[in-house]
Amino acid sequence: MHPATPHPRPGPPLEGDGAKHGRVLRLRDIVFADVAALLARYDLRLERVADDAPIPGSYWGDSEAGVIGHAVYARDDTPVHSLLHEACHLIVLPPGRRAAVHTDATDSVEEEDAVCLLQALLGDALPGVGRARVLSDMDAWGYTFRLGSAAAYFERDADAAWAWLVERGLVTADRTLRLPG
């Protein structure tokens, strides 16, 4: 998600200055098993891809995460925010619909908006990551929002997305992540 207001995949990732200078958190910077365990709580698999191989199911290519069915694909150079974002597209889908997903999981603008919030919340569930880092990395990568930052969107401009997540039981009414199991 990279446009001025959240919308599904309007063009290639912008990869802002932070991305060019390698300042975003990458899968190699955290413990793979921690991410795999978090995704497993949602009945998803994290599949590691060899460093020199294309990432299966990646909409953008390069180091961006990919999704196919119940699996999220990532290399060690995949940005954590990308991995979480794509995983969230699978998390918000009913399990029966996940099997049909290949590469593009976005169902609607509302889903895309909600996924941007959910990926930050999942950051809090990962040691060494946290919500603030995910939001900062979204900004560094080139995501843009009406209020100027991912954090501003998260805190002050996403009531409809919060309601969407609450309605689906993914967060509580007080905007806390509801982890399964």
N, C-alpha and C. Protein backbone atom coordinates (compact mmCIF):
# COMPACT_ATOMS: atom_id res chain seq x y z
N MET A 1 0.84 -1.16 0.00
CA MET A 1 0.00 0.00 0.00
C MET A 1 0.89 1.22 0.00
N HIS A 2 0.77 2.01 -1.01
CA HIS A 2 1.71 3.11 -1.13
C HIS A 2 1.10 4.44 -1.57
N PRO A 3 -0.22 4.57 -1.73
CA PRO A 3 -0.75 5.83 -2.23
C PRO A 3 -1.03 6.86 -1.13
N ALA A 4 -1.47 8.05 -1.54
CA ALA A 4 -1.75 9.14 -0.61
C ALA A 4 -2.86 8.78 0.36
N THR A 5 -3.85 8.07 -0.07
CA THR A 5 -4.81 7.47 0.84
C THR A 5 -4.79 5.99 0.52
N PRO A 6 -4.98 5.14 1.51
CA PRO A 6 -4.84 3.71 1.26
C PRO A 6 -5.78 3.21 0.17
N HIS A 7 -5.21 2.56 -0.83
CA HIS A 7 -5.95 1.93 -1.91
C HIS A 7 -5.15 0.73 -2.37
N PRO A 8 -5.81 -0.28 -2.92
CA PRO A 8 -5.09 -1.48 -3.35
C PRO A 8 -4.15 -1.23 -4.52
N ARG A 9 -2.95 -1.55 -4.38
CA ARG A 9 -1.92 -1.70 -5.40
C ARG A 9 -2.04 -0.80 -6.64
N PRO A 10 -1.86 0.51 -6.51
CA PRO A 10 -1.98 1.37 -7.68
C PRO A 10 -0.76 1.40 -8.57
N GLY A 11 0.38 1.01 -8.09
CA GLY A 11 1.60 1.05 -8.88
C GLY A 11 2.71 0.39 -8.11
N PRO A 12 3.91 0.34 -8.65
CA PRO A 12 5.00 -0.34 -7.97
C PRO A 12 5.39 0.35 -6.67
N PRO A 13 6.03 -0.40 -5.75
CA PRO A 13 6.43 0.22 -4.49
C PRO A 13 7.38 1.38 -4.75
N LEU A 14 7.28 2.38 -3.92
CA LEU A 14 8.06 3.58 -4.14
C LEU A 14 9.46 3.49 -3.55
N GLU A 15 9.64 2.66 -2.57
CA GLU A 15 10.94 2.49 -1.94
C GLU A 15 11.62 3.83 -1.70
N GLY A 16 11.19 4.51 -0.65
CA GLY A 16 11.75 5.81 -0.27
C GLY A 16 13.20 5.75 0.13
N ASP A 17 13.74 6.86 0.59
CA ASP A 17 15.16 6.95 0.95
C ASP A 17 15.57 5.89 1.96
N GLY A 18 14.69 5.60 2.93
CA GLY A 18 15.02 4.59 3.92
C GLY A 18 15.27 3.23 3.29
N ALA A 19 14.49 2.90 2.29
CA ALA A 19 14.67 1.63 1.60
C ALA A 19 15.98 1.61 0.83
N LYS A 20 16.29 2.72 0.18
CA LYS A 20 17.51 2.78 -0.62
C LYS A 20 18.76 2.65 0.23
N HIS A 21 18.66 3.09 1.46
CA HIS A 21 19.82 3.03 2.35
C HIS A 21 19.77 1.84 3.30
N GLY A 22 18.85 0.91 3.05
CA GLY A 22 18.80 -0.32 3.83
C GLY A 22 18.37 -0.13 5.27
N ARG A 23 17.65 0.96 5.57
CA ARG A 23 17.31 1.25 6.95
C ARG A 23 16.04 0.57 7.43
N VAL A 24 15.31 -0.10 6.57
CA VAL A 24 14.12 -0.80 7.05
C VAL A 24 14.52 -2.14 7.65
N LEU A 25 13.73 -2.60 8.61
CA LEU A 25 13.97 -3.87 9.27
C LEU A 25 13.66 -5.00 8.29
N ARG A 26 14.56 -5.92 8.19
CA ARG A 26 14.41 -7.04 7.25
C ARG A 26 14.29 -8.35 8.03
N LEU A 27 13.80 -9.37 7.36
CA LEU A 27 13.63 -10.67 8.01
C LEU A 27 14.92 -11.15 8.62
N ARG A 28 16.05 -10.90 7.99
CA ARG A 28 17.35 -11.35 8.52
C ARG A 28 17.69 -10.69 9.85
N ASP A 29 17.02 -9.57 10.19
CA ASP A 29 17.30 -8.82 11.41
C ASP A 29 16.55 -9.34 12.63
N ILE A 30 15.60 -10.23 12.41
CA ILE A 30 14.81 -10.76 13.53
C ILE A 30 14.86 -12.29 13.48
N VAL A 31 14.23 -12.94 14.44
CA VAL A 31 14.26 -14.40 14.52
C VAL A 31 13.14 -14.98 13.65
N PHE A 32 13.55 -15.73 12.64
CA PHE A 32 12.61 -16.35 11.70
C PHE A 32 11.55 -17.15 12.45
N ALA A 33 11.96 -17.93 13.45
CA ALA A 33 11.03 -18.78 14.19
C ALA A 33 9.95 -17.97 14.90
N ASP A 34 10.28 -16.76 15.34
CA ASP A 34 9.27 -15.90 15.99
C ASP A 34 8.18 -15.51 15.00
N VAL A 35 8.58 -15.14 13.79
CA VAL A 35 7.60 -14.76 12.77
C VAL A 35 6.78 -15.98 12.36
N ALA A 36 7.45 -17.11 12.16
CA ALA A 36 6.75 -18.33 11.78
C ALA A 36 5.73 -18.73 12.84
N ALA A 37 6.09 -18.61 14.11
CA ALA A 37 5.17 -18.95 15.20
C ALA A 37 3.97 -18.00 15.23
N LEU A 38 4.20 -16.72 15.01
CA LEU A 38 3.09 -15.76 14.99
C LEU A 38 2.13 -16.09 13.85
N LEU A 39 2.67 -16.32 12.67
CA LEU A 39 1.80 -16.63 11.53
C LEU A 39 1.07 -17.96 11.74
N ALA A 40 1.72 -18.92 12.38
CA ALA A 40 1.08 -20.22 12.64
C ALA A 40 -0.16 -20.06 13.51
N ARG A 41 -0.19 -19.06 14.38
CA ARG A 41 -1.38 -18.81 15.20
C ARG A 41 -2.59 -18.50 14.33
N TYR A 42 -2.35 -18.02 13.14
CA TYR A 42 -3.41 -17.70 12.18
C TYR A 42 -3.54 -18.79 11.11
N ASP A 43 -2.94 -19.96 11.37
CA ASP A 43 -2.96 -21.08 10.43
C ASP A 43 -2.29 -20.74 9.11
N LEU A 44 -1.21 -19.96 9.18
CA LEU A 44 -0.40 -19.62 8.01
C LEU A 44 0.99 -20.21 8.17
N ARG A 45 1.65 -20.46 7.05
CA ARG A 45 3.04 -20.92 7.04
C ARG A 45 3.94 -19.81 6.51
N LEU A 46 5.10 -19.68 7.12
CA LEU A 46 6.12 -18.79 6.58
C LEU A 46 7.15 -19.66 5.88
N GLU A 47 7.35 -19.40 4.60
CA GLU A 47 8.29 -20.17 3.79
C GLU A 47 9.49 -19.30 3.45
N ARG A 48 10.69 -19.78 3.83
CA ARG A 48 11.92 -19.04 3.52
C ARG A 48 12.34 -19.36 2.10
N VAL A 49 12.66 -18.32 1.35
CA VAL A 49 13.10 -18.45 -0.04
C VAL A 49 14.60 -18.17 -0.08
N ALA A 50 15.32 -18.90 -0.91
CA ALA A 50 16.77 -18.69 -1.05
C ALA A 50 17.06 -17.25 -1.47
N ASP A 51 18.18 -16.73 -1.00
CA ASP A 51 18.55 -15.32 -1.24
C ASP A 51 18.57 -14.92 -2.70
N ASP A 52 18.95 -15.81 -3.58
CA ASP A 52 19.08 -15.45 -4.99
C ASP A 52 17.86 -15.86 -5.83
N ALA A 53 16.81 -16.35 -5.18
CA ALA A 53 15.64 -16.84 -5.91
C ALA A 53 14.52 -15.80 -5.93
N PRO A 54 13.72 -15.81 -6.99
CA PRO A 54 12.53 -14.95 -6.98
C PRO A 54 11.55 -15.43 -5.90
N ILE A 55 10.80 -14.51 -5.35
CA ILE A 55 9.86 -14.86 -4.28
C ILE A 55 8.53 -15.27 -4.91
N PRO A 56 8.11 -16.52 -4.69
CA PRO A 56 6.83 -16.96 -5.24
C PRO A 56 5.68 -16.09 -4.70
N GLY A 57 4.73 -15.79 -5.55
CA GLY A 57 3.55 -15.07 -5.13
C GLY A 57 3.77 -13.61 -4.79
N SER A 58 4.93 -13.05 -5.16
CA SER A 58 5.20 -11.64 -4.87
C SER A 58 4.57 -10.76 -5.95
N TYR A 59 3.70 -9.88 -5.54
CA TYR A 59 3.04 -8.98 -6.48
C TYR A 59 4.04 -7.99 -7.07
N TRP A 60 4.96 -7.49 -6.22
CA TRP A 60 5.90 -6.46 -6.64
C TRP A 60 7.23 -7.01 -7.13
N GLY A 61 7.56 -8.25 -6.76
CA GLY A 61 8.87 -8.78 -7.12
C GLY A 61 9.95 -8.26 -6.19
N ASP A 62 11.18 -8.31 -6.64
CA ASP A 62 12.34 -7.90 -5.83
C ASP A 62 12.28 -8.59 -4.47
N SER A 63 12.42 -7.83 -3.39
CA SER A 63 12.46 -8.43 -2.06
C SER A 63 11.11 -8.47 -1.37
N GLU A 64 10.05 -8.05 -2.05
CA GLU A 64 8.72 -7.99 -1.45
C GLU A 64 8.16 -9.40 -1.22
N ALA A 65 7.48 -9.58 -0.07
CA ALA A 65 6.90 -10.86 0.29
C ALA A 65 5.86 -11.31 -0.73
N GLY A 66 5.61 -12.61 -0.74
CA GLY A 66 4.60 -13.18 -1.62
C GLY A 66 3.62 -14.03 -0.85
N VAL A 67 2.45 -14.24 -1.44
CA VAL A 67 1.42 -15.07 -0.82
C VAL A 67 0.84 -16.04 -1.85
N ILE A 68 0.72 -17.28 -1.41
CA ILE A 68 0.04 -18.32 -2.19
C ILE A 68 -0.67 -19.22 -1.18
N GLY A 69 -1.98 -19.28 -1.28
CA GLY A 69 -2.75 -20.12 -0.36
C GLY A 69 -2.54 -19.71 1.08
N HIS A 70 -2.14 -20.66 1.90
CA HIS A 70 -1.93 -20.41 3.33
C HIS A 70 -0.47 -20.10 3.64
N ALA A 71 0.32 -19.77 2.64
CA ALA A 71 1.75 -19.54 2.84
C ALA A 71 2.16 -18.11 2.49
N VAL A 72 3.09 -17.60 3.30
CA VAL A 72 3.73 -16.32 3.03
C VAL A 72 5.18 -16.64 2.70
N TYR A 73 5.68 -16.12 1.59
CA TYR A 73 7.03 -16.39 1.12
C TYR A 73 7.90 -15.16 1.32
N ALA A 74 9.11 -15.38 1.84
CA ALA A 74 10.02 -14.27 2.09
C ALA A 74 11.46 -14.73 2.04
N ARG A 75 12.32 -13.82 1.62
CA ARG A 75 13.77 -14.04 1.68
C ARG A 75 14.29 -13.31 2.91
N ASP A 76 15.54 -13.54 3.22
CA ASP A 76 16.15 -12.83 4.35
C ASP A 76 16.18 -11.32 4.14
N ASP A 77 16.17 -10.86 2.88
CA ASP A 77 16.17 -9.42 2.61
C ASP A 77 14.77 -8.82 2.48
N THR A 78 13.74 -9.62 2.72
CA THR A 78 12.37 -9.11 2.67
C THR A 78 12.11 -8.18 3.85
N PRO A 79 11.59 -6.99 3.59
CA PRO A 79 11.25 -6.09 4.69
C PRO A 79 10.17 -6.72 5.58
N VAL A 80 10.36 -6.58 6.89
CA VAL A 80 9.38 -7.14 7.83
C VAL A 80 8.00 -6.55 7.58
N HIS A 81 7.92 -5.25 7.30
CA HIS A 81 6.60 -4.64 7.07
C HIS A 81 5.92 -5.27 5.85
N SER A 82 6.67 -5.64 4.83
CA SER A 82 6.11 -6.28 3.64
C SER A 82 5.59 -7.67 3.99
N LEU A 83 6.37 -8.42 4.72
CA LEU A 83 5.98 -9.76 5.14
C LEU A 83 4.69 -9.68 5.96
N LEU A 84 4.64 -8.75 6.92
CA LEU A 84 3.45 -8.62 7.76
C LEU A 84 2.25 -8.14 6.94
N HIS A 85 2.47 -7.22 6.03
CA HIS A 85 1.38 -6.70 5.20
C HIS A 85 0.74 -7.82 4.39
N GLU A 86 1.55 -8.59 3.72
CA GLU A 86 1.00 -9.68 2.89
C GLU A 86 0.36 -10.75 3.76
N ALA A 87 0.97 -11.06 4.92
CA ALA A 87 0.35 -12.02 5.85
C ALA A 87 -1.02 -11.53 6.29
N CYS A 88 -1.14 -10.24 6.54
CA CYS A 88 -2.42 -9.69 6.99
C CYS A 88 -3.51 -9.85 5.94
N HIS A 89 -3.14 -9.78 4.66
CA HIS A 89 -4.15 -10.02 3.63
C HIS A 89 -4.72 -11.43 3.77
N LEU A 90 -3.89 -12.39 4.13
CA LEU A 90 -4.40 -13.75 4.34
C LEU A 90 -5.16 -13.85 5.66
N ILE A 91 -4.68 -13.18 6.70
CA ILE A 91 -5.32 -13.24 8.01
C ILE A 91 -6.76 -12.73 7.94
N VAL A 92 -7.01 -11.68 7.19
CA VAL A 92 -8.36 -11.11 7.15
C VAL A 92 -9.33 -11.93 6.31
N LEU A 93 -8.82 -12.84 5.51
CA LEU A 93 -9.69 -13.69 4.70
C LEU A 93 -10.23 -14.86 5.51
N PRO A 94 -11.45 -15.28 5.24
CA PRO A 94 -11.92 -16.53 5.83
C PRO A 94 -11.00 -17.67 5.35
N PRO A 95 -10.67 -18.62 6.23
CA PRO A 95 -9.74 -19.69 5.84
C PRO A 95 -10.10 -20.39 4.54
N GLY A 96 -11.36 -20.55 4.26
CA GLY A 96 -11.77 -21.21 3.02
C GLY A 96 -11.38 -20.44 1.76
N ARG A 97 -11.25 -19.14 1.86
CA ARG A 97 -10.87 -18.32 0.70
C ARG A 97 -9.36 -18.23 0.52
N ARG A 98 -8.60 -18.55 1.55
CA ARG A 98 -7.15 -18.44 1.46
C ARG A 98 -6.57 -19.36 0.39
N ALA A 99 -7.13 -20.55 0.27
CA ALA A 99 -6.58 -21.54 -0.66
C ALA A 99 -6.54 -21.02 -2.10
N ALA A 100 -7.45 -20.12 -2.45
CA ALA A 100 -7.52 -19.60 -3.81
C ALA A 100 -6.57 -18.43 -4.06
N VAL A 101 -5.93 -17.92 -3.03
CA VAL A 101 -5.08 -16.74 -3.19
C VAL A 101 -3.76 -17.11 -3.86
N HIS A 102 -3.42 -16.32 -4.85
CA HIS A 102 -2.11 -16.43 -5.49
C HIS A 102 -1.68 -15.03 -5.92
N THR A 103 -0.70 -14.49 -5.22
CA THR A 103 -0.07 -13.21 -5.54
C THR A 103 -0.88 -11.99 -5.11
N ASP A 104 -2.12 -11.84 -5.53
CA ASP A 104 -2.89 -10.65 -5.20
C ASP A 104 -4.06 -11.03 -4.30
N ALA A 105 -3.93 -10.68 -3.04
CA ALA A 105 -4.95 -11.06 -2.06
C ALA A 105 -5.93 -9.95 -1.75
N THR A 106 -5.72 -8.76 -2.27
CA THR A 106 -6.57 -7.63 -1.92
C THR A 106 -7.98 -7.81 -2.43
N ASP A 107 -8.94 -7.64 -1.54
CA ASP A 107 -10.34 -7.79 -1.89
C ASP A 107 -11.03 -6.45 -2.08
N SER A 108 -10.54 -5.40 -1.39
CA SER A 108 -11.22 -4.11 -1.44
C SER A 108 -10.34 -3.01 -0.86
N VAL A 109 -10.73 -1.78 -1.09
CA VAL A 109 -10.03 -0.64 -0.49
C VAL A 109 -10.12 -0.74 1.03
N GLU A 110 -11.30 -1.11 1.53
CA GLU A 110 -11.49 -1.23 2.98
C GLU A 110 -10.54 -2.27 3.58
N GLU A 111 -10.36 -3.37 2.88
CA GLU A 111 -9.43 -4.39 3.35
C GLU A 111 -8.01 -3.84 3.37
N GLU A 112 -7.62 -3.17 2.32
CA GLU A 112 -6.26 -2.62 2.24
C GLU A 112 -6.02 -1.64 3.38
N ASP A 113 -6.99 -0.81 3.66
CA ASP A 113 -6.87 0.14 4.77
C ASP A 113 -6.67 -0.60 6.10
N ALA A 114 -7.48 -1.62 6.32
CA ALA A 114 -7.41 -2.38 7.56
C ALA A 114 -6.10 -3.15 7.70
N VAL A 115 -5.62 -3.68 6.60
CA VAL A 115 -4.35 -4.42 6.61
C VAL A 115 -3.19 -3.53 7.06
N CYS A 116 -3.23 -2.26 6.67
CA CYS A 116 -2.17 -1.33 7.09
C CYS A 116 -2.14 -1.18 8.61
N LEU A 117 -3.31 -1.20 9.24
CA LEU A 117 -3.35 -1.14 10.71
C LEU A 117 -2.90 -2.46 11.32
N LEU A 118 -3.44 -3.54 10.79
CA LEU A 118 -3.16 -4.86 11.36
C LEU A 118 -1.68 -5.21 11.30
N GLN A 119 -0.99 -4.83 10.24
CA GLN A 119 0.44 -5.14 10.15
C GLN A 119 1.21 -4.46 11.27
N ALA A 120 0.82 -3.25 11.64
CA ALA A 120 1.49 -2.56 12.74
C ALA A 120 1.20 -3.25 14.07
N LEU A 121 -0.03 -3.68 14.26
CA LEU A 121 -0.38 -4.40 15.49
C LEU A 121 0.39 -5.71 15.61
N LEU A 122 0.55 -6.40 14.49
CA LEU A 122 1.33 -7.64 14.53
C LEU A 122 2.79 -7.36 14.88
N GLY A 123 3.29 -6.19 14.50
CA GLY A 123 4.65 -5.81 14.88
C GLY A 123 4.84 -5.85 16.38
N ASP A 124 3.80 -5.46 17.13
CA ASP A 124 3.88 -5.50 18.60
C ASP A 124 4.00 -6.93 19.12
N ALA A 125 3.54 -7.90 18.35
CA ALA A 125 3.58 -9.30 18.77
C ALA A 125 4.91 -9.98 18.44
N LEU A 126 5.83 -9.25 17.81
CA LEU A 126 7.12 -9.82 17.43
C LEU A 126 8.26 -9.20 18.24
N PRO A 127 9.03 -10.02 18.93
CA PRO A 127 10.20 -9.49 19.65
C PRO A 127 11.14 -8.76 18.70
N GLY A 128 11.58 -7.59 19.10
CA GLY A 128 12.53 -6.83 18.29
C GLY A 128 11.91 -6.04 17.16
N VAL A 129 10.58 -5.99 17.10
CA VAL A 129 9.92 -5.26 16.01
C VAL A 129 9.13 -4.11 16.61
N GLY A 130 7.88 -4.32 16.95
CA GLY A 130 7.04 -3.29 17.53
C GLY A 130 6.31 -2.45 16.51
N ARG A 131 5.21 -1.91 16.94
CA ARG A 131 4.34 -1.09 16.10
C ARG A 131 5.06 0.14 15.56
N ALA A 132 5.79 0.84 16.41
CA ALA A 132 6.47 2.07 15.98
C ALA A 132 7.44 1.79 14.84
N ARG A 133 8.16 0.66 14.92
CA ARG A 133 9.12 0.33 13.88
C ARG A 133 8.42 0.01 12.57
N VAL A 134 7.33 -0.74 12.64
CA VAL A 134 6.60 -1.07 11.42
C VAL A 134 6.09 0.21 10.76
N LEU A 135 5.50 1.10 11.54
CA LEU A 135 4.98 2.35 10.98
C LEU A 135 6.10 3.20 10.40
N SER A 136 7.22 3.28 11.10
CA SER A 136 8.37 4.04 10.60
C SER A 136 8.91 3.45 9.30
N ASP A 137 8.99 2.13 9.24
CA ASP A 137 9.47 1.47 8.03
C ASP A 137 8.51 1.66 6.86
N MET A 138 7.22 1.71 7.15
CA MET A 138 6.25 1.99 6.09
C MET A 138 6.54 3.36 5.48
N ASP A 139 6.81 4.33 6.32
CA ASP A 139 7.15 5.67 5.84
C ASP A 139 8.46 5.66 5.06
N ALA A 140 9.47 4.99 5.58
CA ALA A 140 10.78 4.94 4.92
C ALA A 140 10.69 4.26 3.56
N TRP A 141 9.82 3.27 3.44
CA TRP A 141 9.67 2.51 2.20
C TRP A 141 8.96 3.31 1.13
N GLY A 142 8.14 4.28 1.56
CA GLY A 142 7.46 5.12 0.59
C GLY A 142 5.95 5.10 0.68
N TYR A 143 5.38 4.39 1.65
CA TYR A 143 3.93 4.49 1.85
C TYR A 143 3.64 5.97 2.12
N THR A 144 2.52 6.45 1.66
CA THR A 144 2.13 7.82 1.97
C THR A 144 0.67 7.84 2.42
N PHE A 145 0.38 8.75 3.30
CA PHE A 145 -0.96 8.86 3.86
C PHE A 145 -1.37 10.32 3.91
N ARG A 146 -2.65 10.54 3.91
CA ARG A 146 -3.25 11.88 3.89
C ARG A 146 -2.70 12.78 4.99
N LEU A 147 -2.48 12.25 6.19
CA LEU A 147 -1.99 13.07 7.30
C LEU A 147 -0.46 13.11 7.38
N GLY A 148 0.21 12.53 6.40
CA GLY A 148 1.66 12.66 6.31
C GLY A 148 2.49 11.51 6.82
N SER A 149 1.91 10.57 7.56
CA SER A 149 2.71 9.43 8.04
C SER A 149 1.80 8.26 8.35
N ALA A 150 2.41 7.09 8.39
CA ALA A 150 1.66 5.89 8.76
C ALA A 150 1.16 5.99 10.20
N ALA A 151 1.97 6.55 11.09
CA ALA A 151 1.56 6.69 12.49
C ALA A 151 0.35 7.62 12.61
N ALA A 152 0.34 8.70 11.87
CA ALA A 152 -0.81 9.62 11.91
C ALA A 152 -2.06 8.92 11.40
N TYR A 153 -1.92 8.14 10.33
CA TYR A 153 -3.06 7.36 9.83
C TYR A 153 -3.55 6.42 10.92
N PHE A 154 -2.64 5.66 11.51
CA PHE A 154 -2.95 4.68 12.54
C PHE A 154 -3.69 5.33 13.70
N GLU A 155 -3.21 6.48 14.14
CA GLU A 155 -3.73 7.12 15.36
C GLU A 155 -4.95 8.01 15.12
N ARG A 156 -5.05 8.65 13.92
CA ARG A 156 -6.07 9.70 13.79
C ARG A 156 -6.91 9.65 12.52
N ASP A 157 -6.67 8.71 11.62
CA ASP A 157 -7.36 8.79 10.33
C ASP A 157 -7.87 7.45 9.84
N ALA A 158 -8.14 6.53 10.74
CA ALA A 158 -8.46 5.18 10.29
C ALA A 158 -9.67 4.58 10.99
N ASP A 159 -10.62 5.40 11.38
CA ASP A 159 -11.77 4.88 12.12
C ASP A 159 -12.51 3.77 11.37
N ALA A 160 -12.69 3.94 10.07
CA ALA A 160 -13.40 2.92 9.29
C ALA A 160 -12.60 1.61 9.26
N ALA A 161 -11.29 1.72 9.15
CA ALA A 161 -10.45 0.51 9.14
C ALA A 161 -10.47 -0.18 10.51
N TRP A 162 -10.43 0.60 11.57
CA TRP A 162 -10.54 0.00 12.91
C TRP A 162 -11.87 -0.74 13.05
N ALA A 163 -12.96 -0.11 12.62
CA ALA A 163 -14.28 -0.74 12.70
C ALA A 163 -14.31 -2.03 11.88
N TRP A 164 -13.68 -2.02 10.71
CA TRP A 164 -13.62 -3.20 9.85
C TRP A 164 -12.93 -4.35 10.59
N LEU A 165 -11.84 -4.06 11.26
CA LEU A 165 -11.10 -5.09 12.01
C LEU A 165 -11.89 -5.58 13.22
N VAL A 166 -12.56 -4.67 13.93
CA VAL A 166 -13.39 -5.05 15.08
C VAL A 166 -14.52 -5.96 14.62
N GLU A 167 -15.18 -5.58 13.54
CA GLU A 167 -16.30 -6.37 13.01
C GLU A 167 -15.90 -7.80 12.70
N ARG A 168 -14.67 -8.01 12.31
CA ARG A 168 -14.18 -9.34 11.96
C ARG A 168 -13.50 -10.05 13.13
N GLY A 169 -13.51 -9.42 14.30
CA GLY A 169 -12.97 -10.07 15.50
C GLY A 169 -11.45 -10.10 15.57
N LEU A 170 -10.78 -9.29 14.76
CA LEU A 170 -9.31 -9.30 14.74
C LEU A 170 -8.70 -8.34 15.77
N VAL A 171 -9.47 -7.33 16.16
CA VAL A 171 -9.05 -6.43 17.24
C VAL A 171 -10.26 -6.21 18.14
N THR A 172 -9.98 -5.76 19.36
CA THR A 172 -11.04 -5.45 20.31
C THR A 172 -11.54 -4.03 20.08
N ALA A 173 -12.64 -3.68 20.72
CA ALA A 173 -13.21 -2.34 20.59
C ALA A 173 -12.24 -1.26 21.07
N ASP A 174 -11.32 -1.63 21.99
CA ASP A 174 -10.32 -0.65 22.46
C ASP A 174 -9.05 -0.68 21.61
N ARG A 175 -9.15 -1.28 20.41
CA ARG A 175 -8.08 -1.27 19.40
C ARG A 175 -6.84 -2.06 19.81
N THR A 176 -7.09 -3.19 20.44
CA THR A 176 -6.03 -4.10 20.85
C THR A 176 -6.10 -5.35 19.97
N LEU A 177 -4.93 -5.83 19.54
CA LEU A 177 -4.88 -7.05 18.73
C LEU A 177 -5.45 -8.22 19.48
N ARG A 178 -6.29 -8.99 18.82
CA ARG A 178 -6.85 -10.21 19.39
C ARG A 178 -6.13 -11.38 18.73
N LEU A 179 -5.16 -11.95 19.42
CA LEU A 179 -4.40 -13.08 18.88
C LEU A 179 -5.18 -14.37 19.06
N PRO A 180 -5.23 -15.21 18.04
CA PRO A 180 -5.90 -16.50 18.19
C PRO A 180 -5.07 -17.45 19.04
N GLY A 181 -5.77 -18.43 19.60
CA GLY A 181 -5.13 -19.50 20.36
C GLY A 181 -4.35 -19.04 21.50
